[in-house]
Amino acid sequence: MEKFAFTDTDISYRMIAENKLAFAFLNKMPILPGHTLICPKQQLCFSEEISPEIWLDLFKLKEIVCDKLKKTLHAKGFNFAWNEGSIAGQSVPHFHLHVVPRKENDSGIAQYEPRVFLYRTGSRADSPREELISLSKLMREA
């Protein structure tokens, strides 16, 4: 078994890979088999706390994890997500990127509807163009 620098006993047996600033391990309550979490080694809660160097290592590790999931589980695609803040479903105060491997006929969500996937009930018509123009202007100027 590969020896990892990260030794938390609850996570160490689920470790998949690590690099200088990040580590990856299997989720113990997976959406689908192979559901992996990638975390910075530094305890950071929010994405804006993550330095460019840490982002680089997180995404390098994402590529390694995806390659491993393709080789071992024959993944054909992936869902990537993170929840930020308890109001958005973040249950652990440590940033983690979810990597969910997908393949034909798996038991995950087959009809991807963003409003359902992101916990939004019902549907909504497209926002009026003027509303989008106004909001995008406000956000650019903020």
N, C-alpha and C. Protein backbone atom coordinates (compact mmCIF):
# COMPACT_ATOMS: atom_id res chain seq x y z
N MET A 1 0.84 -1.19 0.00
CA MET A 1 0.00 0.00 0.00
C MET A 1 0.88 1.24 0.00
N GLU A 2 0.52 2.21 -0.83
CA GLU A 2 1.28 3.46 -0.91
C GLU A 2 1.20 4.21 0.41
N LYS A 3 2.31 4.80 0.83
CA LYS A 3 2.33 5.57 2.08
C LYS A 3 2.10 7.04 1.76
N PHE A 4 1.13 7.63 2.45
CA PHE A 4 0.80 9.03 2.24
C PHE A 4 1.22 9.85 3.44
N ALA A 5 1.54 11.12 3.20
CA ALA A 5 1.92 12.01 4.30
C ALA A 5 0.72 12.30 5.20
N PHE A 6 -0.47 12.32 4.61
CA PHE A 6 -1.68 12.61 5.38
C PHE A 6 -2.09 11.35 6.11
N THR A 7 -2.21 11.42 7.46
CA THR A 7 -2.42 10.20 8.24
C THR A 7 -3.68 10.20 9.09
N ASP A 8 -4.62 11.10 8.86
CA ASP A 8 -5.88 11.06 9.60
C ASP A 8 -6.46 9.65 9.44
N THR A 9 -6.68 8.95 10.57
CA THR A 9 -7.06 7.54 10.50
C THR A 9 -8.40 7.31 9.80
N ASP A 10 -9.32 8.26 9.88
CA ASP A 10 -10.61 8.10 9.21
C ASP A 10 -10.50 8.25 7.70
N ILE A 11 -9.46 8.94 7.26
CA ILE A 11 -9.29 9.21 5.83
C ILE A 11 -8.17 8.37 5.21
N SER A 12 -7.16 8.01 6.00
CA SER A 12 -5.96 7.40 5.42
C SER A 12 -6.26 6.14 4.61
N TYR A 13 -7.21 5.34 5.03
CA TYR A 13 -7.52 4.12 4.28
C TYR A 13 -8.30 4.40 3.00
N ARG A 14 -8.77 5.63 2.84
CA ARG A 14 -9.51 6.00 1.63
C ARG A 14 -8.70 6.88 0.69
N MET A 15 -7.43 7.14 1.05
CA MET A 15 -6.58 8.01 0.23
C MET A 15 -6.36 7.42 -1.15
N ILE A 16 -6.33 8.30 -2.14
CA ILE A 16 -6.09 7.91 -3.53
C ILE A 16 -4.77 8.50 -4.03
N ALA A 17 -4.56 9.77 -3.74
CA ALA A 17 -3.37 10.46 -4.24
C ALA A 17 -3.16 11.74 -3.45
N GLU A 18 -1.95 12.26 -3.55
CA GLU A 18 -1.66 13.56 -2.95
C GLU A 18 -0.51 14.19 -3.70
N ASN A 19 -0.39 15.50 -3.52
CA ASN A 19 0.78 16.22 -4.02
C ASN A 19 1.19 17.18 -2.91
N LYS A 20 1.99 18.16 -3.22
CA LYS A 20 2.55 19.03 -2.17
C LYS A 20 1.46 19.75 -1.37
N LEU A 21 0.40 20.24 -2.02
CA LEU A 21 -0.57 21.10 -1.35
C LEU A 21 -1.99 20.55 -1.27
N ALA A 22 -2.22 19.34 -1.81
CA ALA A 22 -3.58 18.80 -1.84
C ALA A 22 -3.56 17.28 -1.68
N PHE A 23 -4.71 16.73 -1.32
CA PHE A 23 -4.85 15.28 -1.19
C PHE A 23 -6.24 14.88 -1.66
N ALA A 24 -6.37 13.62 -2.06
CA ALA A 24 -7.63 13.10 -2.60
C ALA A 24 -7.95 11.77 -1.93
N PHE A 25 -9.23 11.61 -1.58
CA PHE A 25 -9.66 10.38 -0.93
C PHE A 25 -11.11 10.08 -1.31
N LEU A 26 -11.49 8.81 -1.18
CA LEU A 26 -12.85 8.40 -1.50
C LEU A 26 -13.83 8.93 -0.47
N ASN A 27 -14.98 9.39 -0.95
CA ASN A 27 -16.07 9.83 -0.09
C ASN A 27 -16.67 8.60 0.58
N LYS A 28 -16.89 8.66 1.90
CA LYS A 28 -17.46 7.48 2.57
C LYS A 28 -18.95 7.34 2.36
N MET A 29 -19.60 8.37 1.84
CA MET A 29 -21.02 8.29 1.47
C MET A 29 -21.15 8.70 0.00
N PRO A 30 -20.67 7.86 -0.91
CA PRO A 30 -20.59 8.27 -2.32
C PRO A 30 -21.94 8.38 -3.02
N ILE A 31 -22.01 9.33 -3.93
CA ILE A 31 -23.15 9.43 -4.83
C ILE A 31 -23.12 8.22 -5.77
N LEU A 32 -21.93 7.91 -6.25
CA LEU A 32 -21.66 6.74 -7.09
C LEU A 32 -20.31 6.16 -6.67
N PRO A 33 -20.04 4.89 -6.93
CA PRO A 33 -18.73 4.33 -6.62
C PRO A 33 -17.62 5.17 -7.26
N GLY A 34 -16.58 5.43 -6.48
CA GLY A 34 -15.46 6.23 -6.96
C GLY A 34 -15.58 7.71 -6.66
N HIS A 35 -16.72 8.16 -6.10
CA HIS A 35 -16.91 9.56 -5.71
C HIS A 35 -15.75 9.97 -4.81
N THR A 36 -14.98 10.92 -5.28
CA THR A 36 -13.74 11.33 -4.63
C THR A 36 -13.81 12.78 -4.18
N LEU A 37 -13.14 13.07 -3.08
CA LEU A 37 -13.02 14.44 -2.57
C LEU A 37 -11.56 14.86 -2.68
N ILE A 38 -11.34 16.08 -3.17
CA ILE A 38 -10.00 16.63 -3.28
C ILE A 38 -9.95 17.88 -2.40
N CYS A 39 -8.99 17.91 -1.47
CA CYS A 39 -8.91 19.00 -0.48
C CYS A 39 -7.53 19.62 -0.46
N PRO A 40 -7.45 20.90 -0.12
CA PRO A 40 -6.14 21.47 0.16
C PRO A 40 -5.64 20.92 1.50
N LYS A 41 -4.34 20.75 1.63
CA LYS A 41 -3.79 20.28 2.91
C LYS A 41 -3.97 21.33 3.99
N GLN A 42 -3.90 22.58 3.60
CA GLN A 42 -4.15 23.67 4.55
C GLN A 42 -5.66 23.74 4.79
N GLN A 43 -6.07 23.85 6.04
CA GLN A 43 -7.50 23.90 6.34
C GLN A 43 -8.06 25.27 5.92
N LEU A 44 -8.75 25.27 4.80
CA LEU A 44 -9.38 26.46 4.25
C LEU A 44 -10.84 26.13 4.03
N CYS A 45 -11.71 27.06 4.36
CA CYS A 45 -13.13 26.79 4.27
C CYS A 45 -13.73 27.27 2.94
N PHE A 46 -13.29 28.42 2.47
CA PHE A 46 -13.91 29.05 1.31
C PHE A 46 -12.96 29.17 0.14
N SER A 47 -13.50 29.13 -1.06
CA SER A 47 -12.66 29.16 -2.27
C SER A 47 -11.82 30.43 -2.36
N GLU A 48 -12.32 31.55 -1.87
CA GLU A 48 -11.53 32.79 -1.97
C GLU A 48 -10.31 32.78 -1.06
N GLU A 49 -10.22 31.83 -0.14
CA GLU A 49 -9.04 31.69 0.73
C GLU A 49 -7.92 30.89 0.05
N ILE A 50 -8.23 30.29 -1.07
CA ILE A 50 -7.27 29.40 -1.73
C ILE A 50 -6.33 30.20 -2.63
N SER A 51 -5.03 30.01 -2.42
CA SER A 51 -4.03 30.72 -3.21
C SER A 51 -3.94 30.11 -4.62
N PRO A 52 -3.36 30.87 -5.56
CA PRO A 52 -3.18 30.31 -6.91
C PRO A 52 -2.36 29.02 -6.91
N GLU A 53 -1.36 28.93 -6.03
CA GLU A 53 -0.53 27.72 -5.95
C GLU A 53 -1.35 26.51 -5.50
N ILE A 54 -2.23 26.73 -4.53
CA ILE A 54 -3.06 25.64 -4.05
C ILE A 54 -4.07 25.24 -5.13
N TRP A 55 -4.69 26.23 -5.80
CA TRP A 55 -5.61 25.90 -6.90
C TRP A 55 -4.91 25.03 -7.93
N LEU A 56 -3.68 25.38 -8.27
CA LEU A 56 -2.93 24.62 -9.27
C LEU A 56 -2.77 23.16 -8.82
N ASP A 57 -2.40 22.95 -7.55
CA ASP A 57 -2.24 21.59 -7.07
C ASP A 57 -3.58 20.85 -6.98
N LEU A 58 -4.65 21.56 -6.63
CA LEU A 58 -5.98 20.93 -6.61
C LEU A 58 -6.35 20.42 -8.00
N PHE A 59 -6.12 21.26 -9.01
CA PHE A 59 -6.50 20.87 -10.37
C PHE A 59 -5.53 19.86 -10.99
N LYS A 60 -4.27 19.88 -10.59
CA LYS A 60 -3.35 18.82 -11.02
C LYS A 60 -3.83 17.48 -10.46
N LEU A 61 -4.24 17.51 -9.21
CA LEU A 61 -4.72 16.28 -8.58
C LEU A 61 -6.04 15.83 -9.19
N LYS A 62 -6.88 16.77 -9.59
CA LYS A 62 -8.13 16.42 -10.28
C LYS A 62 -7.84 15.61 -11.53
N GLU A 63 -6.84 16.02 -12.29
CA GLU A 63 -6.46 15.29 -13.51
C GLU A 63 -5.98 13.88 -13.18
N ILE A 64 -5.18 13.75 -12.13
CA ILE A 64 -4.69 12.43 -11.71
C ILE A 64 -5.85 11.54 -11.28
N VAL A 65 -6.75 12.09 -10.46
CA VAL A 65 -7.91 11.33 -9.97
C VAL A 65 -8.78 10.89 -11.15
N CYS A 66 -9.06 11.80 -12.06
CA CYS A 66 -9.89 11.45 -13.22
C CYS A 66 -9.25 10.34 -14.04
N ASP A 67 -7.94 10.41 -14.23
CA ASP A 67 -7.25 9.36 -14.96
C ASP A 67 -7.39 8.02 -14.25
N LYS A 68 -7.23 8.02 -12.92
CA LYS A 68 -7.38 6.79 -12.15
C LYS A 68 -8.81 6.24 -12.25
N LEU A 69 -9.80 7.13 -12.22
CA LEU A 69 -11.20 6.69 -12.31
C LEU A 69 -11.53 6.16 -13.70
N LYS A 70 -10.91 6.72 -14.73
CA LYS A 70 -11.09 6.19 -16.08
C LYS A 70 -10.50 4.79 -16.18
N LYS A 71 -9.30 4.61 -15.61
CA LYS A 71 -8.62 3.32 -15.70
C LYS A 71 -9.29 2.25 -14.85
N THR A 72 -9.74 2.62 -13.65
CA THR A 72 -10.24 1.60 -12.72
C THR A 72 -11.74 1.36 -12.85
N LEU A 73 -12.52 2.41 -13.06
CA LEU A 73 -13.97 2.27 -13.11
C LEU A 73 -14.54 2.52 -14.51
N HIS A 74 -13.66 2.78 -15.47
CA HIS A 74 -14.07 3.03 -16.86
C HIS A 74 -15.02 4.23 -16.96
N ALA A 75 -14.73 5.26 -16.15
CA ALA A 75 -15.53 6.49 -16.20
C ALA A 75 -15.44 7.11 -17.59
N LYS A 76 -16.58 7.60 -18.06
CA LYS A 76 -16.65 8.25 -19.37
C LYS A 76 -16.85 9.76 -19.26
N GLY A 77 -17.18 10.23 -18.06
CA GLY A 77 -17.39 11.64 -17.80
C GLY A 77 -17.38 11.87 -16.30
N PHE A 78 -17.54 13.14 -15.89
CA PHE A 78 -17.45 13.48 -14.48
C PHE A 78 -18.39 14.63 -14.14
N ASN A 79 -18.89 14.62 -12.91
CA ASN A 79 -19.53 15.79 -12.33
C ASN A 79 -18.53 16.34 -11.31
N PHE A 80 -18.31 17.66 -11.34
CA PHE A 80 -17.43 18.34 -10.39
C PHE A 80 -18.27 19.37 -9.64
N ALA A 81 -18.07 19.46 -8.32
CA ALA A 81 -18.84 20.45 -7.55
C ALA A 81 -18.17 20.70 -6.21
N TRP A 82 -18.47 21.87 -5.65
CA TRP A 82 -18.17 22.12 -4.24
C TRP A 82 -19.29 22.96 -3.69
N ASN A 83 -19.56 22.77 -2.40
CA ASN A 83 -20.56 23.56 -1.68
C ASN A 83 -19.81 24.53 -0.80
N GLU A 84 -20.27 25.76 -0.76
CA GLU A 84 -19.56 26.78 0.00
C GLU A 84 -20.51 27.44 0.97
N GLY A 85 -20.30 27.19 2.25
CA GLY A 85 -21.16 27.72 3.30
C GLY A 85 -22.27 26.73 3.65
N SER A 86 -22.67 26.73 4.90
CA SER A 86 -23.69 25.78 5.35
C SER A 86 -25.00 25.98 4.62
N ILE A 87 -25.32 27.21 4.25
CA ILE A 87 -26.57 27.49 3.54
C ILE A 87 -26.58 26.80 2.17
N ALA A 88 -25.38 26.53 1.64
CA ALA A 88 -25.25 25.87 0.33
C ALA A 88 -24.98 24.37 0.46
N GLY A 89 -25.04 23.85 1.69
CA GLY A 89 -24.88 22.42 1.88
C GLY A 89 -23.49 21.98 2.30
N GLN A 90 -22.58 22.93 2.59
CA GLN A 90 -21.24 22.54 3.04
C GLN A 90 -21.35 22.03 4.47
N SER A 91 -21.09 20.74 4.66
CA SER A 91 -21.25 20.13 5.99
C SER A 91 -19.94 20.00 6.74
N VAL A 92 -18.81 20.14 6.04
CA VAL A 92 -17.49 20.08 6.66
C VAL A 92 -16.79 21.40 6.38
N PRO A 93 -16.28 22.10 7.40
CA PRO A 93 -15.67 23.41 7.17
C PRO A 93 -14.26 23.33 6.62
N HIS A 94 -14.08 22.56 5.56
CA HIS A 94 -12.81 22.41 4.87
C HIS A 94 -13.16 22.27 3.39
N PHE A 95 -12.68 23.19 2.57
CA PHE A 95 -12.97 23.15 1.14
C PHE A 95 -12.69 21.76 0.58
N HIS A 96 -13.61 21.25 -0.23
CA HIS A 96 -13.37 19.98 -0.92
C HIS A 96 -14.12 19.97 -2.25
N LEU A 97 -13.40 19.55 -3.28
CA LEU A 97 -13.94 19.41 -4.63
C LEU A 97 -14.46 17.99 -4.78
N HIS A 98 -15.74 17.86 -5.11
CA HIS A 98 -16.33 16.55 -5.38
C HIS A 98 -16.02 16.15 -6.82
N VAL A 99 -15.57 14.93 -7.01
CA VAL A 99 -15.36 14.36 -8.35
C VAL A 99 -16.21 13.10 -8.40
N VAL A 100 -17.25 13.14 -9.22
CA VAL A 100 -18.17 12.00 -9.32
C VAL A 100 -18.01 11.39 -10.72
N PRO A 101 -17.48 10.16 -10.77
CA PRO A 101 -17.30 9.52 -12.08
C PRO A 101 -18.64 9.08 -12.66
N ARG A 102 -18.77 9.23 -13.98
CA ARG A 102 -20.02 8.88 -14.65
C ARG A 102 -19.75 7.92 -15.80
N LYS A 103 -20.71 7.03 -16.02
CA LYS A 103 -20.67 6.14 -17.18
C LYS A 103 -22.09 5.78 -17.55
N GLU A 104 -22.26 5.25 -18.73
CA GLU A 104 -23.59 4.89 -19.22
C GLU A 104 -24.32 4.00 -18.22
N ASN A 105 -25.59 4.29 -18.02
CA ASN A 105 -26.48 3.46 -17.19
C ASN A 105 -26.08 3.38 -15.73
N ASP A 106 -25.33 4.38 -15.22
CA ASP A 106 -25.04 4.37 -13.78
C ASP A 106 -26.30 4.82 -13.03
N SER A 107 -26.24 4.79 -11.71
CA SER A 107 -27.43 5.11 -10.91
C SER A 107 -27.49 6.58 -10.50
N GLY A 108 -26.62 7.41 -11.06
CA GLY A 108 -26.65 8.84 -10.75
C GLY A 108 -27.75 9.55 -11.52
N ILE A 109 -27.80 10.85 -11.37
CA ILE A 109 -28.80 11.67 -12.06
C ILE A 109 -28.56 11.54 -13.56
N ALA A 110 -29.56 11.06 -14.27
CA ALA A 110 -29.40 10.84 -15.72
C ALA A 110 -29.86 12.05 -16.52
N GLN A 111 -30.85 12.75 -16.04
CA GLN A 111 -31.36 13.94 -16.72
C GLN A 111 -30.85 15.15 -15.95
N TYR A 112 -29.74 15.72 -16.40
CA TYR A 112 -29.15 16.83 -15.67
C TYR A 112 -29.99 18.08 -15.87
N GLU A 113 -30.60 18.52 -14.81
CA GLU A 113 -31.37 19.77 -14.79
C GLU A 113 -30.75 20.62 -13.68
N PRO A 114 -30.04 21.68 -14.04
CA PRO A 114 -29.32 22.47 -13.03
C PRO A 114 -30.18 22.91 -11.84
N ARG A 115 -31.41 23.29 -12.07
CA ARG A 115 -32.24 23.77 -10.95
C ARG A 115 -32.55 22.66 -9.95
N VAL A 116 -32.69 21.45 -10.44
CA VAL A 116 -32.91 20.31 -9.54
C VAL A 116 -31.59 19.94 -8.88
N PHE A 117 -30.54 19.86 -9.68
CA PHE A 117 -29.22 19.47 -9.18
C PHE A 117 -28.73 20.43 -8.10
N LEU A 118 -29.04 21.70 -8.24
CA LEU A 118 -28.60 22.71 -7.27
C LEU A 118 -29.68 23.04 -6.26
N TYR A 119 -30.59 22.11 -6.02
CA TYR A 119 -31.59 22.19 -4.96
C TYR A 119 -32.65 23.25 -5.20
N ARG A 120 -32.84 23.70 -6.40
CA ARG A 120 -33.85 24.71 -6.68
C ARG A 120 -35.12 24.01 -7.11
N THR A 121 -36.18 24.22 -6.38
CA THR A 121 -37.43 23.56 -6.72
C THR A 121 -38.17 24.33 -7.79
N GLY A 122 -38.95 23.61 -8.56
CA GLY A 122 -39.74 24.25 -9.61
C GLY A 122 -38.86 24.73 -10.74
N SER A 123 -39.48 25.42 -11.67
CA SER A 123 -38.71 25.96 -12.78
C SER A 123 -38.99 27.45 -12.88
N ARG A 124 -38.19 28.13 -13.65
CA ARG A 124 -38.32 29.57 -13.81
C ARG A 124 -38.03 29.89 -15.26
N ALA A 125 -38.79 30.77 -15.79
CA ALA A 125 -38.54 31.22 -17.16
C ALA A 125 -37.20 31.94 -17.21
N ASP A 126 -36.67 32.09 -18.42
CA ASP A 126 -35.44 32.87 -18.57
C ASP A 126 -35.62 34.24 -17.95
N SER A 127 -34.56 34.73 -17.32
CA SER A 127 -34.61 36.08 -16.77
C SER A 127 -34.72 37.08 -17.91
N PRO A 128 -35.46 38.16 -17.69
CA PRO A 128 -35.53 39.20 -18.73
C PRO A 128 -34.14 39.76 -19.04
N ARG A 129 -33.92 40.06 -20.30
CA ARG A 129 -32.64 40.58 -20.75
C ARG A 129 -32.22 41.79 -19.94
N GLU A 130 -33.13 42.71 -19.67
CA GLU A 130 -32.80 43.93 -18.93
C GLU A 130 -32.32 43.60 -17.52
N GLU A 131 -32.94 42.61 -16.90
CA GLU A 131 -32.53 42.20 -15.56
C GLU A 131 -31.09 41.66 -15.59
N LEU A 132 -30.78 40.87 -16.60
CA LEU A 132 -29.44 40.31 -16.72
C LEU A 132 -28.40 41.39 -17.01
N ILE A 133 -28.75 42.34 -17.85
CA ILE A 133 -27.85 43.46 -18.16
C ILE A 133 -27.58 44.26 -16.89
N SER A 134 -28.62 44.57 -16.16
CA SER A 134 -28.49 45.37 -14.94
C SER A 134 -27.65 44.64 -13.88
N LEU A 135 -27.95 43.38 -13.67
CA LEU A 135 -27.23 42.63 -12.66
C LEU A 135 -25.77 42.42 -13.06
N SER A 136 -25.51 42.11 -14.31
CA SER A 136 -24.13 41.91 -14.74
C SER A 136 -23.32 43.21 -14.60
N LYS A 137 -23.96 44.35 -14.86
CA LYS A 137 -23.29 45.65 -14.70
C LYS A 137 -22.96 45.88 -13.23
N LEU A 138 -23.93 45.62 -12.35
CA LEU A 138 -23.70 45.78 -10.91
C LEU A 138 -22.55 44.90 -10.44
N MET A 139 -22.51 43.67 -10.91
CA MET A 139 -21.48 42.74 -10.48
C MET A 139 -20.10 43.13 -11.01
N ARG A 140 -20.03 43.63 -12.26
CA ARG A 140 -18.75 44.08 -12.79
C ARG A 140 -18.21 45.25 -12.00
N GLU A 141 -19.09 46.12 -11.53
CA GLU A 141 -18.68 47.34 -10.82
C GLU A 141 -18.43 47.10 -9.33
N ALA A 142 -18.83 45.97 -8.83
CA ALA A 142 -18.69 45.70 -7.38
C ALA A 142 -17.24 45.48 -6.99
